[in-house]
All heavy atoms as atom14 arrays in JSON, in Angstrom:
{
  "sequence": "AFADRAYNADGSLVSRRLPGSVIHDPAVVAERMLRMVVEGRVIAIDG",
  "atom14_mask": [
    [1, 1, 1, 1, 1, 0, 0, 0, 0, 0, 0, 0, 0, 0],
    [1, 1, 1, 1, 1, 1, 1, 1, 1, 1, 1, 0, 0, 0],
    [1, 1, 1, 1, 1, 0, 0, 0, 0, 0, 0, 0, 0, 0],
    [1, 1, 1, 1, 1, 1, 1, 1, 0, 0, 0, 0, 0, 0],
    [1, 1, 1, 1, 1, 1, 1, 1, 1, 1, 1, 0, 0, 0],
    [1, 1, 1, 1, 1, 0, 0, 0, 0, 0, 0, 0, 0, 0],
    [1, 1, 1, 1, 1, 1, 1, 1, 1, 1, 1, 1, 0, 0],
    [1, 1, 1, 1, 1, 1, 1, 1, 0, 0, 0, 0, 0, 0],
    [1, 1, 1, 1, 1, 0, 0, 0, 0, 0, 0, 0, 0, 0],
    [1, 1, 1, 1, 1, 1, 1, 1, 0, 0, 0, 0, 0, 0],
    [1, 1, 1, 1, 0, 0, 0, 0, 0, 0, 0, 0, 0, 0],
    [1, 1, 1, 1, 1, 1, 0, 0, 0, 0, 0, 0, 0, 0],
    [1, 1, 1, 1, 1, 1, 1, 1, 0, 0, 0, 0, 0, 0],
    [1, 1, 1, 1, 1, 1, 1, 0, 0, 0, 0, 0, 0, 0],
    [1, 1, 1, 1, 1, 1, 0, 0, 0, 0, 0, 0, 0, 0],
    [1, 1, 1, 1, 1, 1, 1, 1, 1, 1, 1, 0, 0, 0],
    [1, 1, 1, 1, 1, 1, 1, 1, 1, 1, 1, 0, 0, 0],
    [1, 1, 1, 1, 1, 1, 1, 1, 0, 0, 0, 0, 0, 0],
    [1, 1, 1, 1, 1, 1, 1, 0, 0, 0, 0, 0, 0, 0],
    [1, 1, 1, 1, 0, 0, 0, 0, 0, 0, 0, 0, 0, 0],
    [1, 1, 1, 1, 1, 1, 0, 0, 0, 0, 0, 0, 0, 0],
    [1, 1, 1, 1, 1, 1, 1, 0, 0, 0, 0, 0, 0, 0],
    [1, 1, 1, 1, 1, 1, 1, 1, 0, 0, 0, 0, 0, 0],
    [1, 1, 1, 1, 1, 1, 1, 1, 1, 1, 0, 0, 0, 0],
    [1, 1, 1, 1, 1, 1, 1, 1, 0, 0, 0, 0, 0, 0],
    [1, 1, 1, 1, 1, 1, 1, 0, 0, 0, 0, 0, 0, 0],
    [1, 1, 1, 1, 1, 0, 0, 0, 0, 0, 0, 0, 0, 0],
    [1, 1, 1, 1, 1, 1, 1, 0, 0, 0, 0, 0, 0, 0],
    [1, 1, 1, 1, 1, 1, 1, 0, 0, 0, 0, 0, 0, 0],
    [1, 1, 1, 1, 1, 0, 0, 0, 0, 0, 0, 0, 0, 0],
    [1, 1, 1, 1, 1, 1, 1, 1, 1, 0, 0, 0, 0, 0],
    [1, 1, 1, 1, 1, 1, 1, 1, 1, 1, 1, 0, 0, 0],
    [1, 1, 1, 1, 1, 1, 1, 1, 0, 0, 0, 0, 0, 0],
    [1, 1, 1, 1, 1, 1, 1, 1, 0, 0, 0, 0, 0, 0],
    [1, 1, 1, 1, 1, 1, 1, 1, 1, 1, 1, 0, 0, 0],
    [1, 1, 1, 1, 1, 1, 1, 1, 0, 0, 0, 0, 0, 0],
    [1, 1, 1, 1, 1, 1, 1, 0, 0, 0, 0, 0, 0, 0],
    [1, 1, 1, 1, 1, 1, 1, 0, 0, 0, 0, 0, 0, 0],
    [1, 1, 1, 1, 1, 1, 1, 1, 1, 0, 0, 0, 0, 0],
    [1, 1, 1, 1, 0, 0, 0, 0, 0, 0, 0, 0, 0, 0],
    [1, 1, 1, 1, 1, 1, 1, 1, 1, 1, 1, 0, 0, 0],
    [1, 1, 1, 1, 1, 1, 1, 0, 0, 0, 0, 0, 0, 0],
    [1, 1, 1, 1, 1, 1, 1, 1, 0, 0, 0, 0, 0, 0],
    [1, 1, 1, 1, 1, 0, 0, 0, 0, 0, 0, 0, 0, 0],
    [1, 1, 1, 1, 1, 1, 1, 1, 0, 0, 0, 0, 0, 0],
    [1, 1, 1, 1, 1, 1, 1, 1, 0, 0, 0, 0, 0, 0],
    [1, 1, 1, 1, 0, 0, 0, 0, 0, 0, 0, 0, 0, 0]
  ],
  "atom14_positions": [
    [[35.09, 77.0, 52.74], [35.32, 76.19, 53.97], [34.41, 76.53, 55.1], [33.92, 77.67, 54.95], [36.75, 76.35, 54.53], [0.0, 0.0, 0.0], [0.0, 0.0, 0.0], [0.0, 0.0, 0.0], [0.0, 0.0, 0.0], [0.0, 0.0, 0.0], [0.0, 0.0, 0.0], [0.0, 0.0, 0.0], [0.0, 0.0, 0.0], [0.0, 0.0, 0.0]],
    [[34.09, 75.61, 55.99], [33.12, 75.98, 57.14], [33.81, 76.15, 58.42], [34.49, 75.07, 58.82], [31.98, 74.94, 57.1], [31.0, 75.05, 56.12], [31.29, 74.52, 54.75], [29.9, 75.78, 56.21], [30.4, 74.68, 53.79], [28.91, 75.89, 55.25], [29.22, 75.36, 53.98], [0.0, 0.0, 0.0], [0.0, 0.0, 0.0], [0.0, 0.0, 0.0]],
    [[33.79, 77.39, 58.94], [34.59, 77.59, 60.19], [34.03, 76.69, 61.28], [34.87, 76.19, 62.18], [34.36, 78.95, 60.6], [0.0, 0.0, 0.0], [0.0, 0.0, 0.0], [0.0, 0.0, 0.0], [0.0, 0.0, 0.0], [0.0, 0.0, 0.0], [0.0, 0.0, 0.0], [0.0, 0.0, 0.0], [0.0, 0.0, 0.0], [0.0, 0.0, 0.0]],
    [[32.69, 76.59, 61.53], [32.16, 75.95, 62.68], [31.65, 74.51, 62.41], [30.76, 73.87, 63.18], [31.03, 76.83, 63.27], [29.99, 77.3, 62.2], [30.06, 76.81, 61.1], [29.0, 77.95, 62.53], [0.0, 0.0, 0.0], [0.0, 0.0, 0.0], [0.0, 0.0, 0.0], [0.0, 0.0, 0.0], [0.0, 0.0, 0.0], [0.0, 0.0, 0.0]],
    [[31.99, 73.91, 61.31], [31.54, 72.49, 61.01], [32.76, 71.63, 61.02], [33.81, 71.95, 60.54], [30.78, 72.47, 59.67], [29.45, 73.21, 59.74], [28.48, 72.46, 60.57], [28.37, 71.11, 60.25], [27.56, 70.7, 59.19], [26.83, 71.45, 58.36], [27.43, 69.33, 59.01], [0.0, 0.0, 0.0], [0.0, 0.0, 0.0], [0.0, 0.0, 0.0]],
    [[32.56, 70.38, 61.49], [33.54, 69.36, 61.45], [33.58, 68.73, 60.02], [32.55, 68.57, 59.38], [33.23, 68.28, 62.5], [0.0, 0.0, 0.0], [0.0, 0.0, 0.0], [0.0, 0.0, 0.0], [0.0, 0.0, 0.0], [0.0, 0.0, 0.0], [0.0, 0.0, 0.0], [0.0, 0.0, 0.0], [0.0, 0.0, 0.0], [0.0, 0.0, 0.0]],
    [[34.84, 68.2, 59.71], [34.95, 67.52, 58.42], [35.3, 66.11, 58.57], [35.88, 65.55, 59.58], [36.14, 68.2, 57.76], [35.88, 69.46, 57.01], [35.97, 70.76, 57.76], [35.42, 69.57, 55.68], [35.65, 71.92, 57.04], [35.21, 70.82, 55.01], [35.24, 71.89, 55.76], [34.91, 73.06, 55.21], [0.0, 0.0, 0.0], [0.0, 0.0, 0.0]],
    [[34.82, 65.29, 57.64], [35.12, 63.89, 57.48], [36.51, 63.88, 56.71], [37.08, 64.83, 56.19], [34.07, 63.11, 56.75], [32.82, 62.99, 57.32], [32.74, 62.61, 58.59], [31.74, 63.4, 56.66], [0.0, 0.0, 0.0], [0.0, 0.0, 0.0], [0.0, 0.0, 0.0], [0.0, 0.0, 0.0], [0.0, 0.0, 0.0], [0.0, 0.0, 0.0]],
    [[37.09, 62.69, 56.86], [38.45, 62.49, 56.23], [38.45, 62.74, 54.65], [39.5, 63.0, 54.16], [38.96, 61.12, 56.58], [0.0, 0.0, 0.0], [0.0, 0.0, 0.0], [0.0, 0.0, 0.0], [0.0, 0.0, 0.0], [0.0, 0.0, 0.0], [0.0, 0.0, 0.0], [0.0, 0.0, 0.0], [0.0, 0.0, 0.0], [0.0, 0.0, 0.0]],
    [[37.3, 62.62, 54.09], [37.26, 62.77, 52.65], [36.94, 64.18, 52.21], [36.67, 64.55, 51.05], [36.2, 61.83, 52.0], [34.7, 62.1, 52.49], [34.6, 62.97, 53.4], [33.8, 61.44, 52.02], [0.0, 0.0, 0.0], [0.0, 0.0, 0.0], [0.0, 0.0, 0.0], [0.0, 0.0, 0.0], [0.0, 0.0, 0.0], [0.0, 0.0, 0.0]],
    [[36.82, 65.17, 53.2], [36.59, 66.44, 52.89], [35.22, 66.91, 52.99], [34.78, 68.12, 52.77], [0.0, 0.0, 0.0], [0.0, 0.0, 0.0], [0.0, 0.0, 0.0], [0.0, 0.0, 0.0], [0.0, 0.0, 0.0], [0.0, 0.0, 0.0], [0.0, 0.0, 0.0], [0.0, 0.0, 0.0], [0.0, 0.0, 0.0], [0.0, 0.0, 0.0]],
    [[34.23, 65.93, 53.16], [32.81, 66.15, 53.28], [32.5, 66.71, 54.69], [33.26, 66.45, 55.65], [32.0, 64.98, 52.91], [32.13, 63.93, 53.79], [0.0, 0.0, 0.0], [0.0, 0.0, 0.0], [0.0, 0.0, 0.0], [0.0, 0.0, 0.0], [0.0, 0.0, 0.0], [0.0, 0.0, 0.0], [0.0, 0.0, 0.0], [0.0, 0.0, 0.0]],
    [[31.33, 67.3, 54.95], [30.96, 67.79, 56.24], [30.32, 66.7, 57.06], [29.54, 65.86, 56.5], [29.98, 68.84, 56.09], [30.44, 70.26, 55.31], [29.36, 71.19, 55.3], [31.61, 70.87, 56.09], [0.0, 0.0, 0.0], [0.0, 0.0, 0.0], [0.0, 0.0, 0.0], [0.0, 0.0, 0.0], [0.0, 0.0, 0.0], [0.0, 0.0, 0.0]],
    [[30.73, 66.57, 58.29], [30.0, 65.7, 59.14], [28.56, 65.9, 59.36], [28.21, 67.04, 59.52], [30.7, 65.67, 60.5], [29.95, 64.73, 61.44], [32.17, 65.35, 60.46], [0.0, 0.0, 0.0], [0.0, 0.0, 0.0], [0.0, 0.0, 0.0], [0.0, 0.0, 0.0], [0.0, 0.0, 0.0], [0.0, 0.0, 0.0], [0.0, 0.0, 0.0]],
    [[27.75, 64.84, 59.3], [26.3, 65.04, 59.36], [25.95, 65.73, 60.59], [26.47, 65.44, 61.75], [25.58, 63.73, 59.2], [24.19, 63.89, 59.53], [0.0, 0.0, 0.0], [0.0, 0.0, 0.0], [0.0, 0.0, 0.0], [0.0, 0.0, 0.0], [0.0, 0.0, 0.0], [0.0, 0.0, 0.0], [0.0, 0.0, 0.0], [0.0, 0.0, 0.0]],
    [[24.94, 66.71, 60.5], [24.5, 67.4, 61.75], [23.76, 66.36, 62.71], [23.59, 66.82, 63.9], [23.55, 68.48, 61.38], [24.19, 69.76, 60.74], [23.17, 70.71, 60.33], [23.76, 72.08, 59.91], [24.05, 73.16, 60.61], [23.89, 72.93, 61.9], [24.63, 74.12, 60.12], [0.0, 0.0, 0.0], [0.0, 0.0, 0.0], [0.0, 0.0, 0.0]],
    [[23.4, 65.32, 62.22], [22.79, 64.34, 63.17], [23.86, 63.71, 64.09], [23.5, 62.93, 65.15], [22.18, 63.2, 62.39], [21.0, 63.66, 61.45], [20.26, 62.51, 60.78], [19.12, 62.9, 60.02], [19.23, 63.18, 58.82], [20.36, 63.2, 58.16], [18.07, 63.69, 58.11], [0.0, 0.0, 0.0], [0.0, 0.0, 0.0], [0.0, 0.0, 0.0]],
    [[25.13, 63.81, 63.93], [26.22, 63.17, 64.6], [26.79, 64.13, 65.62], [26.87, 65.36, 65.4], [27.28, 62.67, 63.63], [26.71, 61.63, 62.62], [28.0, 61.11, 61.81], [26.28, 60.35, 63.39], [0.0, 0.0, 0.0], [0.0, 0.0, 0.0], [0.0, 0.0, 0.0], [0.0, 0.0, 0.0], [0.0, 0.0, 0.0], [0.0, 0.0, 0.0]],
    [[27.19, 63.58, 66.75], [27.73, 64.5, 67.83], [29.13, 65.08, 67.23], [29.9, 64.43, 66.55], [28.03, 63.55, 68.96], [27.98, 62.19, 68.47], [27.07, 62.17, 67.25], [0.0, 0.0, 0.0], [0.0, 0.0, 0.0], [0.0, 0.0, 0.0], [0.0, 0.0, 0.0], [0.0, 0.0, 0.0], [0.0, 0.0, 0.0], [0.0, 0.0, 0.0]],
    [[29.51, 66.33, 67.68], [30.63, 66.92, 67.34], [30.57, 67.5, 65.85], [31.65, 68.06, 65.41], [0.0, 0.0, 0.0], [0.0, 0.0, 0.0], [0.0, 0.0, 0.0], [0.0, 0.0, 0.0], [0.0, 0.0, 0.0], [0.0, 0.0, 0.0], [0.0, 0.0, 0.0], [0.0, 0.0, 0.0], [0.0, 0.0, 0.0], [0.0, 0.0, 0.0]],
    [[29.49, 67.58, 65.25], [29.26, 68.11, 63.83], [29.49, 69.58, 63.77], [29.95, 70.03, 62.72], [28.0, 67.59, 63.22], [27.01, 68.13, 63.92], [0.0, 0.0, 0.0], [0.0, 0.0, 0.0], [0.0, 0.0, 0.0], [0.0, 0.0, 0.0], [0.0, 0.0, 0.0], [0.0, 0.0, 0.0], [0.0, 0.0, 0.0], [0.0, 0.0, 0.0]],
    [[29.05, 70.27, 64.88], [29.26, 71.71, 64.95], [30.14, 72.18, 66.03], [30.06, 71.58, 67.17], [27.85, 72.45, 65.19], [27.97, 73.79, 65.23], [26.87, 71.93, 64.08], [0.0, 0.0, 0.0], [0.0, 0.0, 0.0], [0.0, 0.0, 0.0], [0.0, 0.0, 0.0], [0.0, 0.0, 0.0], [0.0, 0.0, 0.0], [0.0, 0.0, 0.0]],
    [[31.07, 72.9, 65.76], [32.2, 73.49, 66.71], [31.68, 74.71, 67.26], [31.33, 75.71, 66.54], [33.58, 73.57, 65.93], [33.85, 72.12, 65.35], [34.46, 74.0, 67.01], [35.04, 72.36, 64.36], [0.0, 0.0, 0.0], [0.0, 0.0, 0.0], [0.0, 0.0, 0.0], [0.0, 0.0, 0.0], [0.0, 0.0, 0.0], [0.0, 0.0, 0.0]],
    [[31.63, 74.85, 68.6], [31.16, 76.07, 69.33], [32.2, 76.84, 69.97], [31.78, 78.06, 70.25], [30.09, 75.49, 70.34], [28.89, 74.79, 69.78], [27.88, 75.35, 69.06], [28.62, 73.47, 69.87], [27.03, 74.46, 68.74], [27.46, 73.26, 69.09], [0.0, 0.0, 0.0], [0.0, 0.0, 0.0], [0.0, 0.0, 0.0], [0.0, 0.0, 0.0]],
    [[33.35, 76.41, 70.11], [34.38, 77.14, 70.87], [35.04, 78.16, 69.79], [35.74, 77.79, 68.82], [35.52, 76.25, 71.37], [36.45, 76.93, 72.3], [36.83, 78.03, 71.91], [37.03, 76.29, 73.21], [0.0, 0.0, 0.0], [0.0, 0.0, 0.0], [0.0, 0.0, 0.0], [0.0, 0.0, 0.0], [0.0, 0.0, 0.0], [0.0, 0.0, 0.0]],
    [[34.81, 79.47, 70.04], [35.35, 80.54, 69.15], [36.85, 80.43, 69.06], [37.39, 80.53, 67.85], [34.93, 81.85, 69.77], [33.81, 81.51, 70.74], [33.98, 80.02, 71.2], [0.0, 0.0, 0.0], [0.0, 0.0, 0.0], [0.0, 0.0, 0.0], [0.0, 0.0, 0.0], [0.0, 0.0, 0.0], [0.0, 0.0, 0.0], [0.0, 0.0, 0.0]],
    [[37.54, 80.13, 69.98], [39.06, 80.01, 69.88], [39.5, 78.92, 68.94], [40.37, 78.99, 68.14], [39.7, 79.99, 71.17], [0.0, 0.0, 0.0], [0.0, 0.0, 0.0], [0.0, 0.0, 0.0], [0.0, 0.0, 0.0], [0.0, 0.0, 0.0], [0.0, 0.0, 0.0], [0.0, 0.0, 0.0], [0.0, 0.0, 0.0], [0.0, 0.0, 0.0]],
    [[38.72, 77.8, 69.03], [39.07, 76.56, 68.33], [38.81, 76.83, 66.79], [39.45, 76.55, 65.97], [38.26, 75.37, 68.84], [38.51, 74.17, 67.79], [38.76, 74.89, 70.21], [0.0, 0.0, 0.0], [0.0, 0.0, 0.0], [0.0, 0.0, 0.0], [0.0, 0.0, 0.0], [0.0, 0.0, 0.0], [0.0, 0.0, 0.0], [0.0, 0.0, 0.0]],
    [[37.61, 77.47, 66.71], [37.24, 77.77, 65.23], [38.23, 78.71, 64.61], [38.73, 78.52, 63.44], [35.83, 78.54, 65.33], [35.52, 79.11, 63.84], [34.68, 77.5, 65.67], [0.0, 0.0, 0.0], [0.0, 0.0, 0.0], [0.0, 0.0, 0.0], [0.0, 0.0, 0.0], [0.0, 0.0, 0.0], [0.0, 0.0, 0.0], [0.0, 0.0, 0.0]],
    [[38.69, 79.74, 65.36], [39.61, 80.82, 64.71], [40.96, 80.08, 64.38], [41.41, 80.39, 63.36], [39.73, 81.9, 65.74], [0.0, 0.0, 0.0], [0.0, 0.0, 0.0], [0.0, 0.0, 0.0], [0.0, 0.0, 0.0], [0.0, 0.0, 0.0], [0.0, 0.0, 0.0], [0.0, 0.0, 0.0], [0.0, 0.0, 0.0], [0.0, 0.0, 0.0]],
    [[41.48, 79.35, 65.35], [42.75, 78.7, 65.06], [42.74, 77.68, 63.82], [43.61, 77.72, 63.07], [43.31, 78.07, 66.28], [43.75, 78.98, 67.45], [44.75, 79.96, 66.88], [45.72, 79.47, 66.23], [44.73, 81.18, 67.21], [0.0, 0.0, 0.0], [0.0, 0.0, 0.0], [0.0, 0.0, 0.0], [0.0, 0.0, 0.0], [0.0, 0.0, 0.0]],
    [[41.73, 76.93, 63.76], [41.54, 76.0, 62.77], [41.41, 76.62, 61.39], [42.03, 76.15, 60.36], [40.52, 74.9, 62.95], [39.11, 75.35, 62.72], [38.01, 74.5, 63.29], [38.01, 73.19, 62.66], [37.1, 72.84, 61.85], [36.21, 73.66, 61.42], [37.1, 71.67, 61.31], [0.0, 0.0, 0.0], [0.0, 0.0, 0.0], [0.0, 0.0, 0.0]],
    [[40.76, 77.87, 61.25], [40.54, 78.42, 60.02], [41.77, 79.31, 59.77], [42.09, 79.4, 58.54], [39.34, 79.42, 60.19], [37.99, 78.63, 60.01], [37.78, 77.88, 58.43], [38.17, 76.07, 58.98], [0.0, 0.0, 0.0], [0.0, 0.0, 0.0], [0.0, 0.0, 0.0], [0.0, 0.0, 0.0], [0.0, 0.0, 0.0], [0.0, 0.0, 0.0]],
    [[42.48, 79.78, 60.73], [43.73, 80.52, 60.52], [44.76, 79.45, 59.78], [45.37, 79.8, 58.77], [44.37, 80.98, 61.84], [45.69, 81.59, 61.67], [45.7, 82.82, 60.73], [46.33, 81.96, 63.0], [0.0, 0.0, 0.0], [0.0, 0.0, 0.0], [0.0, 0.0, 0.0], [0.0, 0.0, 0.0], [0.0, 0.0, 0.0], [0.0, 0.0, 0.0]],
    [[44.72, 78.25, 60.28], [45.72, 77.22, 59.72], [45.28, 76.87, 58.38], [46.07, 76.68, 57.5], [45.7, 76.01, 60.62], [46.59, 74.86, 60.12], [46.71, 73.69, 61.06], [47.69, 72.69, 60.49], [47.33, 71.59, 60.08], [46.06, 71.13, 60.17], [48.19, 70.67, 59.56], [0.0, 0.0, 0.0], [0.0, 0.0, 0.0], [0.0, 0.0, 0.0]],
    [[43.84, 76.86, 58.04], [43.45, 76.51, 56.77], [43.93, 77.59, 55.8], [44.34, 77.25, 54.58], [41.92, 76.52, 56.8], [41.27, 76.02, 55.43], [41.1, 77.23, 54.17], [39.98, 78.33, 54.94], [0.0, 0.0, 0.0], [0.0, 0.0, 0.0], [0.0, 0.0, 0.0], [0.0, 0.0, 0.0], [0.0, 0.0, 0.0], [0.0, 0.0, 0.0]],
    [[43.89, 78.91, 56.12], [44.27, 80.0, 55.35], [45.73, 79.98, 54.97], [46.27, 80.12, 53.89], [43.89, 81.39, 55.97], [44.49, 82.55, 55.05], [42.4, 81.55, 56.04], [0.0, 0.0, 0.0], [0.0, 0.0, 0.0], [0.0, 0.0, 0.0], [0.0, 0.0, 0.0], [0.0, 0.0, 0.0], [0.0, 0.0, 0.0], [0.0, 0.0, 0.0]],
    [[46.5, 79.62, 56.11], [48.03, 79.84, 56.06], [48.58, 78.49, 55.39], [49.49, 78.6, 54.59], [48.58, 79.99, 57.42], [50.17, 79.93, 57.36], [48.19, 81.34, 57.87], [0.0, 0.0, 0.0], [0.0, 0.0, 0.0], [0.0, 0.0, 0.0], [0.0, 0.0, 0.0], [0.0, 0.0, 0.0], [0.0, 0.0, 0.0], [0.0, 0.0, 0.0]],
    [[48.05, 77.29, 55.72], [48.64, 76.05, 55.5], [47.71, 75.26, 54.47], [48.25, 74.27, 53.74], [49.0, 75.27, 56.61], [49.9, 75.73, 57.66], [50.12, 74.9, 58.74], [49.85, 73.71, 58.72], [50.56, 75.45, 59.81], [0.0, 0.0, 0.0], [0.0, 0.0, 0.0], [0.0, 0.0, 0.0], [0.0, 0.0, 0.0], [0.0, 0.0, 0.0]],
    [[46.5, 75.63, 54.38], [45.53, 74.85, 53.4], [45.28, 73.5, 53.93], [45.05, 72.53, 53.21], [0.0, 0.0, 0.0], [0.0, 0.0, 0.0], [0.0, 0.0, 0.0], [0.0, 0.0, 0.0], [0.0, 0.0, 0.0], [0.0, 0.0, 0.0], [0.0, 0.0, 0.0], [0.0, 0.0, 0.0], [0.0, 0.0, 0.0], [0.0, 0.0, 0.0]],
    [[45.22, 73.41, 55.3], [44.96, 72.1, 55.9], [44.09, 72.2, 57.21], [44.12, 73.2, 57.85], [46.27, 71.37, 56.36], [47.19, 71.22, 55.13], [48.37, 70.18, 55.49], [47.75, 68.83, 55.53], [47.65, 68.04, 54.41], [47.88, 68.48, 53.27], [47.23, 66.8, 54.56], [0.0, 0.0, 0.0], [0.0, 0.0, 0.0], [0.0, 0.0, 0.0]],
    [[43.29, 71.31, 57.57], [42.38, 71.16, 58.73], [42.5, 69.74, 59.33], [42.85, 68.8, 58.59], [40.95, 71.59, 58.46], [40.97, 72.93, 58.12], [40.32, 70.66, 57.49], [0.0, 0.0, 0.0], [0.0, 0.0, 0.0], [0.0, 0.0, 0.0], [0.0, 0.0, 0.0], [0.0, 0.0, 0.0], [0.0, 0.0, 0.0], [0.0, 0.0, 0.0]],
    [[42.27, 69.55, 60.56], [42.13, 68.3, 61.21], [40.68, 67.78, 61.16], [39.71, 68.57, 61.49], [42.53, 68.47, 62.54], [43.9, 68.91, 62.88], [42.4, 66.98, 63.35], [45.08, 68.02, 62.17], [0.0, 0.0, 0.0], [0.0, 0.0, 0.0], [0.0, 0.0, 0.0], [0.0, 0.0, 0.0], [0.0, 0.0, 0.0], [0.0, 0.0, 0.0]],
    [[40.5, 66.64, 60.51], [39.18, 66.03, 60.34], [38.68, 65.47, 61.63], [39.43, 65.28, 62.65], [39.16, 64.94, 59.29], [0.0, 0.0, 0.0], [0.0, 0.0, 0.0], [0.0, 0.0, 0.0], [0.0, 0.0, 0.0], [0.0, 0.0, 0.0], [0.0, 0.0, 0.0], [0.0, 0.0, 0.0], [0.0, 0.0, 0.0], [0.0, 0.0, 0.0]],
    [[37.4, 64.99, 61.76], [36.84, 64.59, 63.06], [37.44, 63.28, 63.56], [37.54, 63.02, 64.71], [35.35, 64.37, 62.85], [34.67, 64.27, 64.25], [34.99, 63.11, 61.91], [33.19, 64.39, 64.11], [0.0, 0.0, 0.0], [0.0, 0.0, 0.0], [0.0, 0.0, 0.0], [0.0, 0.0, 0.0], [0.0, 0.0, 0.0], [0.0, 0.0, 0.0]],
    [[38.12, 62.43, 62.58], [38.9, 61.28, 62.99], [40.33, 61.5, 63.39], [41.03, 60.52, 63.62], [38.74, 60.22, 61.9], [39.54, 60.6, 60.59], [40.01, 61.74, 60.58], [39.58, 59.75, 59.84], [0.0, 0.0, 0.0], [0.0, 0.0, 0.0], [0.0, 0.0, 0.0], [0.0, 0.0, 0.0], [0.0, 0.0, 0.0], [0.0, 0.0, 0.0]],
    [[40.65, 62.76, 63.38], [41.98, 63.06, 63.65], [43.02, 63.18, 62.58], [44.2, 63.56, 62.7], [0.0, 0.0, 0.0], [0.0, 0.0, 0.0], [0.0, 0.0, 0.0], [0.0, 0.0, 0.0], [0.0, 0.0, 0.0], [0.0, 0.0, 0.0], [0.0, 0.0, 0.0], [0.0, 0.0, 0.0], [0.0, 0.0, 0.0], [0.0, 0.0, 0.0]]
  ]
}
């Protein structure tokens, strides 16, 4: 899994050419990856 990259709804990575593809907030990155480890789920770029 990629800590600092946004995901599409199909589980692919959002293209770096698109806004929001890279996540820069350390707290946001940490919390989303903690949830991935504990629950096996993440929020995609479309919500």
